[in-house]
Amino acid sequence: MSDSTQAKRPEVPGTGAGGEPLAKPSPQRRGGGDPASRGRTTIADGVVEKIAGLAARDVVGVHALGSGLARTFGAVRERVPGTTRSVTRGVNAEVGEVQTALDLEIVVDYGVSIADVAGAVRENVISAVERMTSLEVVEVNIAVSDVKLPEEEEEEEEQPRIR
């Protein structure tokens, strides 16, 4: 059969002369480029500090965060009606555009391996911060400022709260 004798096929929208499908035109994007690249996201130091503080407290063997003085002031502040517990006490973050560095001050429970607790804190903090912020955690410095002795808890419970 020659081209002139071949029966003409009816044209169907979205198909070529031979009935083969045409490529769909891609939808036009306004503003150009990927939507994820249209602006900046900044994360405040306090946000990273909260994430790190909560992640550090989740580790078994961490009694508290912050130095003795900071914990004392925090305990007084928490007794004031309308205030909440500070999850950033003992945590300091320096946040850049794509990286962050953290300093934590912790109190460990007596009898635990400080090296193991510090390693677990470092791992948990890095995991939580990187997962939630997409920032690269370049370092987590941990200072162990105290060891919580079992008899210290009993002494605190015996003292009256109001004098």
N, C-alpha and C. Protein backbone atom coordinates (compact mmCIF):
# COMPACT_ATOMS: atom_id res chain seq x y z
N MET A 1 0.82 -1.16 0.00
CA MET A 1 0.00 0.00 0.00
C MET A 1 0.87 1.23 0.00
N SER A 2 0.47 2.16 -0.81
CA SER A 2 1.22 3.40 -0.86
C SER A 2 0.58 4.40 0.08
N ASP A 3 1.29 5.52 0.30
CA ASP A 3 0.78 6.54 1.20
C ASP A 3 -0.55 7.10 0.72
N SER A 4 -0.73 7.19 -0.57
CA SER A 4 -1.96 7.78 -1.09
C SER A 4 -3.13 6.84 -0.98
N THR A 5 -2.88 5.53 -0.94
CA THR A 5 -3.98 4.58 -0.87
C THR A 5 -4.30 4.17 0.56
N GLN A 6 -3.43 4.51 1.48
CA GLN A 6 -3.64 4.13 2.88
C GLN A 6 -4.81 4.92 3.44
N ALA A 7 -5.68 4.25 4.17
CA ALA A 7 -6.85 4.91 4.73
C ALA A 7 -6.41 5.90 5.78
N LYS A 8 -7.04 7.04 5.75
CA LYS A 8 -6.70 8.06 6.72
C LYS A 8 -7.38 7.73 8.04
N ARG A 9 -6.59 7.83 9.09
CA ARG A 9 -7.13 7.60 10.42
C ARG A 9 -7.65 8.92 10.97
N PRO A 10 -8.73 8.85 11.72
CA PRO A 10 -9.22 10.10 12.31
C PRO A 10 -8.23 10.59 13.38
N GLU A 11 -8.11 11.89 13.46
CA GLU A 11 -7.18 12.45 14.43
C GLU A 11 -7.82 12.42 15.81
N VAL A 12 -7.06 11.94 16.76
CA VAL A 12 -7.50 11.87 18.15
C VAL A 12 -6.66 12.87 18.93
N PRO A 13 -7.29 13.68 19.75
CA PRO A 13 -6.49 14.65 20.52
C PRO A 13 -5.43 13.92 21.34
N GLY A 14 -4.20 14.47 21.35
CA GLY A 14 -3.10 13.88 22.11
C GLY A 14 -2.34 12.82 21.35
N THR A 15 -2.67 12.63 20.05
CA THR A 15 -1.96 11.65 19.24
C THR A 15 -1.41 12.32 18.01
N GLY A 16 -0.38 11.69 17.44
CA GLY A 16 0.24 12.22 16.23
C GLY A 16 -0.51 11.75 15.00
N ALA A 17 0.07 12.02 13.83
CA ALA A 17 -0.57 11.67 12.57
C ALA A 17 -0.79 10.18 12.45
N GLY A 18 0.11 9.36 12.97
CA GLY A 18 -0.04 7.91 12.87
C GLY A 18 -0.79 7.30 14.03
N GLY A 19 -1.34 8.12 14.92
CA GLY A 19 -2.08 7.60 16.06
C GLY A 19 -1.22 7.39 17.29
N GLU A 20 0.11 7.61 17.13
CA GLU A 20 0.99 7.41 18.29
C GLU A 20 0.81 8.58 19.27
N PRO A 21 0.88 8.28 20.59
CA PRO A 21 0.65 9.34 21.58
C PRO A 21 1.76 10.39 21.56
N LEU A 22 1.35 11.62 21.74
CA LEU A 22 2.31 12.71 21.85
C LEU A 22 2.75 12.86 23.30
N ALA A 23 3.93 13.38 23.49
CA ALA A 23 4.40 13.63 24.85
C ALA A 23 3.56 14.74 25.46
N LYS A 24 3.18 14.53 26.73
CA LYS A 24 2.38 15.54 27.42
C LYS A 24 3.23 16.77 27.66
N PRO A 25 2.68 17.92 27.42
CA PRO A 25 3.45 19.12 27.74
C PRO A 25 3.60 19.23 29.25
N SER A 26 4.80 19.57 29.71
CA SER A 26 5.03 19.67 31.15
C SER A 26 4.36 20.94 31.66
N PRO A 27 3.78 20.84 32.86
CA PRO A 27 3.11 22.02 33.40
C PRO A 27 4.13 23.13 33.65
N GLN A 28 3.74 24.33 33.37
CA GLN A 28 4.63 25.47 33.54
C GLN A 28 4.65 25.85 35.02
N ARG A 29 5.86 26.02 35.56
CA ARG A 29 6.00 26.45 36.94
C ARG A 29 6.20 27.95 36.96
N ARG A 30 5.51 28.57 37.84
CA ARG A 30 5.68 30.00 37.97
C ARG A 30 6.83 30.28 38.94
N GLY A 31 7.60 31.27 38.66
CA GLY A 31 8.71 31.64 39.54
C GLY A 31 9.98 30.88 39.22
N GLY A 32 9.89 29.84 38.44
CA GLY A 32 11.06 29.08 38.01
C GLY A 32 11.74 28.32 39.14
N GLY A 33 12.24 27.18 38.82
CA GLY A 33 13.03 26.39 39.77
C GLY A 33 12.19 25.56 40.72
N ASP A 34 12.89 24.78 41.49
CA ASP A 34 12.29 23.90 42.47
C ASP A 34 11.69 24.73 43.61
N PRO A 35 10.48 24.41 44.06
CA PRO A 35 9.88 25.19 45.15
C PRO A 35 10.73 25.20 46.43
N ALA A 36 11.47 24.12 46.67
CA ALA A 36 12.30 24.07 47.87
C ALA A 36 13.44 25.08 47.83
N SER A 37 13.79 25.56 46.65
CA SER A 37 14.89 26.51 46.55
C SER A 37 14.42 27.96 46.51
N ARG A 38 13.15 28.19 46.76
CA ARG A 38 12.60 29.54 46.69
C ARG A 38 12.51 30.17 48.07
N GLY A 39 13.63 30.38 48.70
CA GLY A 39 13.64 31.03 50.01
C GLY A 39 14.61 30.35 50.95
N ARG A 40 14.71 30.90 52.14
CA ARG A 40 15.65 30.38 53.14
C ARG A 40 14.88 29.93 54.37
N THR A 41 15.43 28.95 55.03
CA THR A 41 14.92 28.53 56.32
C THR A 41 16.02 28.76 57.33
N THR A 42 15.72 29.49 58.38
CA THR A 42 16.69 29.69 59.44
C THR A 42 16.17 29.05 60.71
N ILE A 43 17.09 28.50 61.47
CA ILE A 43 16.73 27.81 62.71
C ILE A 43 17.45 28.52 63.84
N ALA A 44 16.70 28.98 64.83
CA ALA A 44 17.26 29.71 65.96
C ALA A 44 18.08 28.79 66.86
N ASP A 45 19.06 29.37 67.53
CA ASP A 45 19.89 28.62 68.47
C ASP A 45 19.01 27.92 69.51
N GLY A 46 18.00 28.63 70.00
CA GLY A 46 17.13 28.08 71.04
C GLY A 46 16.38 26.83 70.60
N VAL A 47 16.04 26.74 69.34
CA VAL A 47 15.36 25.56 68.82
C VAL A 47 16.28 24.34 68.91
N VAL A 48 17.51 24.52 68.46
CA VAL A 48 18.49 23.42 68.52
C VAL A 48 18.79 23.07 69.98
N GLU A 49 18.87 24.07 70.85
CA GLU A 49 19.13 23.82 72.27
C GLU A 49 18.01 23.00 72.90
N LYS A 50 16.77 23.29 72.56
CA LYS A 50 15.64 22.52 73.10
C LYS A 50 15.69 21.06 72.63
N ILE A 51 15.93 20.88 71.35
CA ILE A 51 16.00 19.52 70.80
C ILE A 51 17.11 18.74 71.49
N ALA A 52 18.28 19.36 71.61
CA ALA A 52 19.44 18.70 72.24
C ALA A 52 19.18 18.42 73.71
N GLY A 53 18.56 19.36 74.41
CA GLY A 53 18.28 19.17 75.83
C GLY A 53 17.33 18.01 76.08
N LEU A 54 16.29 17.92 75.29
CA LEU A 54 15.34 16.82 75.43
C LEU A 54 15.99 15.48 75.07
N ALA A 55 16.80 15.47 74.02
CA ALA A 55 17.48 14.23 73.60
C ALA A 55 18.47 13.77 74.66
N ALA A 56 19.17 14.70 75.29
CA ALA A 56 20.15 14.35 76.32
C ALA A 56 19.45 13.78 77.55
N ARG A 57 18.33 14.35 77.93
CA ARG A 57 17.60 13.88 79.12
C ARG A 57 17.02 12.49 78.92
N ASP A 58 16.84 12.06 77.67
CA ASP A 58 16.30 10.73 77.39
C ASP A 58 17.30 9.61 77.67
N VAL A 59 18.56 9.95 77.85
CA VAL A 59 19.60 8.93 78.03
C VAL A 59 19.63 8.46 79.48
N VAL A 60 19.62 7.15 79.67
CA VAL A 60 19.70 6.57 81.01
C VAL A 60 21.06 6.90 81.60
N GLY A 61 21.05 7.39 82.84
CA GLY A 61 22.29 7.76 83.51
C GLY A 61 22.48 9.26 83.60
N VAL A 62 21.71 10.01 82.82
CA VAL A 62 21.74 11.48 82.91
C VAL A 62 20.72 11.88 83.97
N HIS A 63 21.22 12.48 85.05
CA HIS A 63 20.32 12.90 86.12
C HIS A 63 19.72 14.27 85.82
N ALA A 64 20.57 15.18 85.32
CA ALA A 64 20.10 16.54 85.03
C ALA A 64 21.09 17.20 84.08
N LEU A 65 20.70 18.36 83.59
CA LEU A 65 21.58 19.18 82.76
C LEU A 65 21.84 20.49 83.48
N GLY A 66 23.04 21.03 83.31
CA GLY A 66 23.40 22.30 83.92
C GLY A 66 24.26 22.12 85.15
N SER A 67 24.91 23.20 85.56
CA SER A 67 25.75 23.17 86.75
C SER A 67 24.88 23.24 87.99
N GLY A 68 25.48 23.05 89.14
CA GLY A 68 24.74 23.11 90.40
C GLY A 68 24.05 24.44 90.60
N LEU A 69 24.72 25.54 90.29
CA LEU A 69 24.15 26.86 90.46
C LEU A 69 22.98 27.08 89.50
N ALA A 70 23.15 26.67 88.27
CA ALA A 70 22.07 26.83 87.28
C ALA A 70 20.86 25.99 87.68
N ARG A 71 21.10 24.80 88.21
CA ARG A 71 19.98 23.95 88.64
C ARG A 71 19.26 24.54 89.83
N THR A 72 20.02 25.16 90.75
CA THR A 72 19.41 25.80 91.92
C THR A 72 18.51 26.94 91.50
N PHE A 73 19.01 27.81 90.63
CA PHE A 73 18.19 28.92 90.14
C PHE A 73 16.99 28.40 89.35
N GLY A 74 17.20 27.35 88.59
CA GLY A 74 16.12 26.77 87.81
C GLY A 74 15.03 26.19 88.70
N ALA A 75 15.43 25.55 89.80
CA ALA A 75 14.46 24.98 90.73
C ALA A 75 13.62 26.08 91.37
N VAL A 76 14.25 27.19 91.72
CA VAL A 76 13.52 28.32 92.29
C VAL A 76 12.56 28.90 91.26
N ARG A 77 13.05 29.06 90.03
CA ARG A 77 12.23 29.63 88.96
C ARG A 77 11.03 28.73 88.65
N GLU A 78 11.21 27.40 88.73
CA GLU A 78 10.13 26.47 88.42
C GLU A 78 9.01 26.51 89.45
N ARG A 79 9.31 26.97 90.66
CA ARG A 79 8.29 27.05 91.71
C ARG A 79 7.38 28.26 91.54
N VAL A 80 7.78 29.19 90.71
CA VAL A 80 6.96 30.38 90.47
C VAL A 80 5.80 29.97 89.57
N PRO A 81 4.57 30.28 90.00
CA PRO A 81 3.41 29.89 89.18
C PRO A 81 3.48 30.51 87.78
N GLY A 82 3.13 29.70 86.80
CA GLY A 82 3.10 30.18 85.42
C GLY A 82 4.40 29.97 84.66
N THR A 83 5.45 29.50 85.33
CA THR A 83 6.70 29.25 84.63
C THR A 83 6.82 27.77 84.32
N THR A 84 7.62 27.46 83.33
CA THR A 84 7.81 26.07 82.94
C THR A 84 9.28 25.67 83.13
N ARG A 85 9.51 24.38 83.14
CA ARG A 85 10.85 23.86 83.29
C ARG A 85 11.68 24.24 82.07
N SER A 86 12.90 24.68 82.31
CA SER A 86 13.77 25.08 81.21
C SER A 86 14.47 23.86 80.62
N VAL A 87 14.13 23.53 79.39
CA VAL A 87 14.76 22.38 78.75
C VAL A 87 16.11 22.75 78.13
N THR A 88 16.41 24.04 78.10
CA THR A 88 17.68 24.46 77.50
C THR A 88 18.78 24.68 78.53
N ARG A 89 18.47 24.53 79.81
CA ARG A 89 19.49 24.71 80.86
C ARG A 89 20.61 23.69 80.64
N GLY A 90 21.84 24.17 80.63
CA GLY A 90 22.98 23.29 80.44
C GLY A 90 23.30 22.99 79.00
N VAL A 91 22.62 23.65 78.06
CA VAL A 91 22.84 23.41 76.63
C VAL A 91 23.14 24.75 75.95
N ASN A 92 24.18 24.76 75.14
CA ASN A 92 24.52 25.95 74.36
C ASN A 92 24.75 25.51 72.92
N ALA A 93 24.09 26.17 71.98
CA ALA A 93 24.24 25.81 70.56
C ALA A 93 24.72 27.02 69.77
N GLU A 94 25.57 26.76 68.82
CA GLU A 94 25.97 27.75 67.83
C GLU A 94 25.50 27.23 66.48
N VAL A 95 24.55 27.94 65.87
CA VAL A 95 23.93 27.46 64.65
C VAL A 95 24.35 28.33 63.47
N GLY A 96 24.86 27.68 62.43
CA GLY A 96 25.19 28.36 61.19
C GLY A 96 24.12 28.05 60.15
N GLU A 97 24.45 28.27 58.89
CA GLU A 97 23.47 28.02 57.84
C GLU A 97 23.25 26.53 57.59
N VAL A 98 24.32 25.73 57.69
CA VAL A 98 24.18 24.30 57.41
C VAL A 98 24.77 23.41 58.51
N GLN A 99 25.42 24.02 59.50
CA GLN A 99 26.07 23.24 60.55
C GLN A 99 25.74 23.82 61.92
N THR A 100 25.92 22.99 62.94
CA THR A 100 25.74 23.44 64.32
C THR A 100 26.75 22.73 65.21
N ALA A 101 27.11 23.39 66.30
CA ALA A 101 27.99 22.83 67.31
C ALA A 101 27.30 23.00 68.66
N LEU A 102 27.43 22.02 69.53
CA LEU A 102 26.72 22.03 70.81
C LEU A 102 27.67 21.79 71.98
N ASP A 103 27.38 22.48 73.09
CA ASP A 103 28.06 22.26 74.36
C ASP A 103 27.00 21.88 75.37
N LEU A 104 27.20 20.77 76.08
CA LEU A 104 26.25 20.32 77.09
C LEU A 104 26.97 20.15 78.41
N GLU A 105 26.30 20.52 79.48
CA GLU A 105 26.80 20.31 80.83
C GLU A 105 25.82 19.38 81.51
N ILE A 106 26.29 18.20 81.94
CA ILE A 106 25.39 17.19 82.48
C ILE A 106 25.80 16.77 83.89
N VAL A 107 24.83 16.23 84.61
CA VAL A 107 25.03 15.59 85.90
C VAL A 107 24.65 14.14 85.70
N VAL A 108 25.55 13.22 86.06
CA VAL A 108 25.28 11.79 85.86
C VAL A 108 24.92 11.14 87.18
N ASP A 109 24.20 10.04 87.10
CA ASP A 109 23.87 9.25 88.28
C ASP A 109 25.10 8.49 88.73
N TYR A 110 25.25 8.34 90.06
CA TYR A 110 26.37 7.59 90.61
C TYR A 110 26.31 6.13 90.16
N GLY A 111 27.46 5.59 89.78
CA GLY A 111 27.55 4.18 89.42
C GLY A 111 27.53 3.90 87.93
N VAL A 112 27.19 4.87 87.12
CA VAL A 112 27.17 4.64 85.68
C VAL A 112 28.54 4.95 85.10
N SER A 113 28.82 4.37 83.95
CA SER A 113 30.06 4.68 83.24
C SER A 113 29.91 6.04 82.57
N ILE A 114 30.72 7.00 83.00
CA ILE A 114 30.61 8.35 82.45
C ILE A 114 30.91 8.34 80.95
N ALA A 115 31.90 7.56 80.54
CA ALA A 115 32.24 7.48 79.11
C ALA A 115 31.08 6.93 78.30
N ASP A 116 30.40 5.90 78.82
CA ASP A 116 29.26 5.32 78.11
C ASP A 116 28.09 6.29 78.05
N VAL A 117 27.82 6.97 79.16
CA VAL A 117 26.71 7.94 79.18
C VAL A 117 27.01 9.09 78.22
N ALA A 118 28.24 9.61 78.26
CA ALA A 118 28.61 10.71 77.36
C ALA A 118 28.48 10.28 75.89
N GLY A 119 28.91 9.06 75.58
CA GLY A 119 28.79 8.56 74.21
C GLY A 119 27.34 8.43 73.78
N ALA A 120 26.50 7.93 74.69
CA ALA A 120 25.08 7.77 74.38
C ALA A 120 24.40 9.13 74.22
N VAL A 121 24.77 10.10 75.07
CA VAL A 121 24.22 11.45 74.95
C VAL A 121 24.60 12.04 73.60
N ARG A 122 25.88 11.93 73.27
CA ARG A 122 26.38 12.48 72.00
C ARG A 122 25.61 11.88 70.82
N GLU A 123 25.46 10.57 70.84
CA GLU A 123 24.77 9.86 69.74
C GLU A 123 23.30 10.27 69.65
N ASN A 124 22.62 10.34 70.78
CA ASN A 124 21.20 10.68 70.79
C ASN A 124 20.97 12.13 70.36
N VAL A 125 21.83 13.03 70.82
CA VAL A 125 21.70 14.45 70.47
C VAL A 125 21.95 14.65 68.98
N ILE A 126 23.01 14.05 68.46
CA ILE A 126 23.33 14.19 67.03
C ILE A 126 22.18 13.66 66.19
N SER A 127 21.68 12.50 66.54
CA SER A 127 20.59 11.89 65.78
C SER A 127 19.35 12.79 65.78
N ALA A 128 18.96 13.27 66.94
CA ALA A 128 17.73 14.09 67.04
C ALA A 128 17.88 15.42 66.31
N VAL A 129 19.01 16.10 66.50
CA VAL A 129 19.19 17.41 65.88
C VAL A 129 19.28 17.28 64.36
N GLU A 130 20.05 16.32 63.87
CA GLU A 130 20.17 16.17 62.41
C GLU A 130 18.85 15.74 61.78
N ARG A 131 18.10 14.88 62.45
CA ARG A 131 16.82 14.41 61.91
C ARG A 131 15.81 15.54 61.85
N MET A 132 15.75 16.35 62.89
CA MET A 132 14.71 17.38 62.97
C MET A 132 15.05 18.67 62.24
N THR A 133 16.35 18.97 62.10
CA THR A 133 16.73 20.26 61.52
C THR A 133 17.44 20.16 60.18
N SER A 134 17.93 19.00 59.82
CA SER A 134 18.75 18.78 58.63
C SER A 134 20.08 19.54 58.69
N LEU A 135 20.44 20.03 59.88
CA LEU A 135 21.75 20.65 60.06
C LEU A 135 22.77 19.55 60.34
N GLU A 136 24.00 19.76 59.91
CA GLU A 136 25.07 18.83 60.23
C GLU A 136 25.63 19.20 61.60
N VAL A 137 25.64 18.25 62.51
CA VAL A 137 26.20 18.49 63.84
C VAL A 137 27.70 18.18 63.75
N VAL A 138 28.52 19.23 63.88
CA VAL A 138 29.95 19.05 63.71
C VAL A 138 30.63 18.63 65.01
N GLU A 139 30.06 19.00 66.16
CA GLU A 139 30.63 18.54 67.43
C GLU A 139 29.61 18.68 68.54
N VAL A 140 29.74 17.77 69.51
CA VAL A 140 28.95 17.84 70.74
C VAL A 140 29.94 17.67 71.88
N ASN A 141 30.23 18.78 72.56
CA ASN A 141 31.15 18.77 73.70
C ASN A 141 30.33 18.56 74.96
N ILE A 142 30.77 17.61 75.79
CA ILE A 142 30.04 17.29 77.01
C ILE A 142 30.94 17.51 78.21
N ALA A 143 30.45 18.30 79.15
CA ALA A 143 31.15 18.53 80.41
C ALA A 143 30.31 17.90 81.52
N VAL A 144 30.90 16.98 82.26
CA VAL A 144 30.21 16.36 83.39
C VAL A 144 30.55 17.20 84.61
N SER A 145 29.54 17.91 85.14
CA SER A 145 29.79 18.85 86.22
C SER A 145 29.53 18.28 87.61
N ASP A 146 28.85 17.13 87.67
CA ASP A 146 28.54 16.57 88.99
C ASP A 146 28.09 15.13 88.83
N VAL A 147 28.13 14.42 89.98
CA VAL A 147 27.61 13.06 90.06
C VAL A 147 26.53 13.07 91.13
N LYS A 148 25.37 12.58 90.79
CA LYS A 148 24.25 12.56 91.74
C LYS A 148 24.36 11.30 92.58
N LEU A 149 24.59 11.49 93.90
CA LEU A 149 24.72 10.37 94.82
C LEU A 149 23.35 9.94 95.31
N PRO A 150 23.17 8.65 95.58
CA PRO A 150 21.84 8.17 96.01
C PRO A 150 21.35 8.86 97.29
N GLU A 151 22.24 9.12 98.26
CA GLU A 151 21.80 9.74 99.51
C GLU A 151 21.43 11.21 99.34
N GLU A 152 21.86 11.85 98.26
CA GLU A 152 21.49 13.25 98.01
C GLU A 152 19.99 13.37 97.74
N GLU A 153 19.41 12.39 97.10
CA GLU A 153 17.97 12.43 96.81
C GLU A 153 17.17 12.35 98.10
N GLU A 154 17.60 11.48 99.04
CA GLU A 154 16.90 11.33 100.30
C GLU A 154 16.95 12.63 101.09
N GLU A 155 18.12 13.30 101.11
CA GLU A 155 18.25 14.56 101.84
C GLU A 155 17.33 15.62 101.26
N GLU A 156 17.22 15.70 99.95
CA GLU A 156 16.36 16.70 99.30
C GLU A 156 14.89 16.46 99.65
N GLU A 157 14.49 15.19 99.72
CA GLU A 157 13.10 14.87 100.01
C GLU A 157 12.74 15.21 101.45
N GLU A 158 13.71 15.11 102.40
CA GLU A 158 13.44 15.38 103.80
C GLU A 158 13.29 16.87 104.07
N GLN A 159 13.94 17.72 103.26
CA GLN A 159 13.88 19.16 103.49
C GLN A 159 12.50 19.69 103.10
N PRO A 160 11.92 20.53 103.95
CA PRO A 160 10.62 21.10 103.57
C PRO A 160 10.81 22.10 102.41
N ARG A 161 9.81 22.18 101.55
CA ARG A 161 9.89 23.07 100.40
C ARG A 161 9.63 24.51 100.79
N ILE A 162 8.76 24.73 101.75
CA ILE A 162 8.41 26.09 102.15
C ILE A 162 8.90 26.28 103.58
N ARG A 163 9.59 27.38 103.80
CA ARG A 163 10.09 27.67 105.14
C ARG A 163 9.49 28.94 105.65
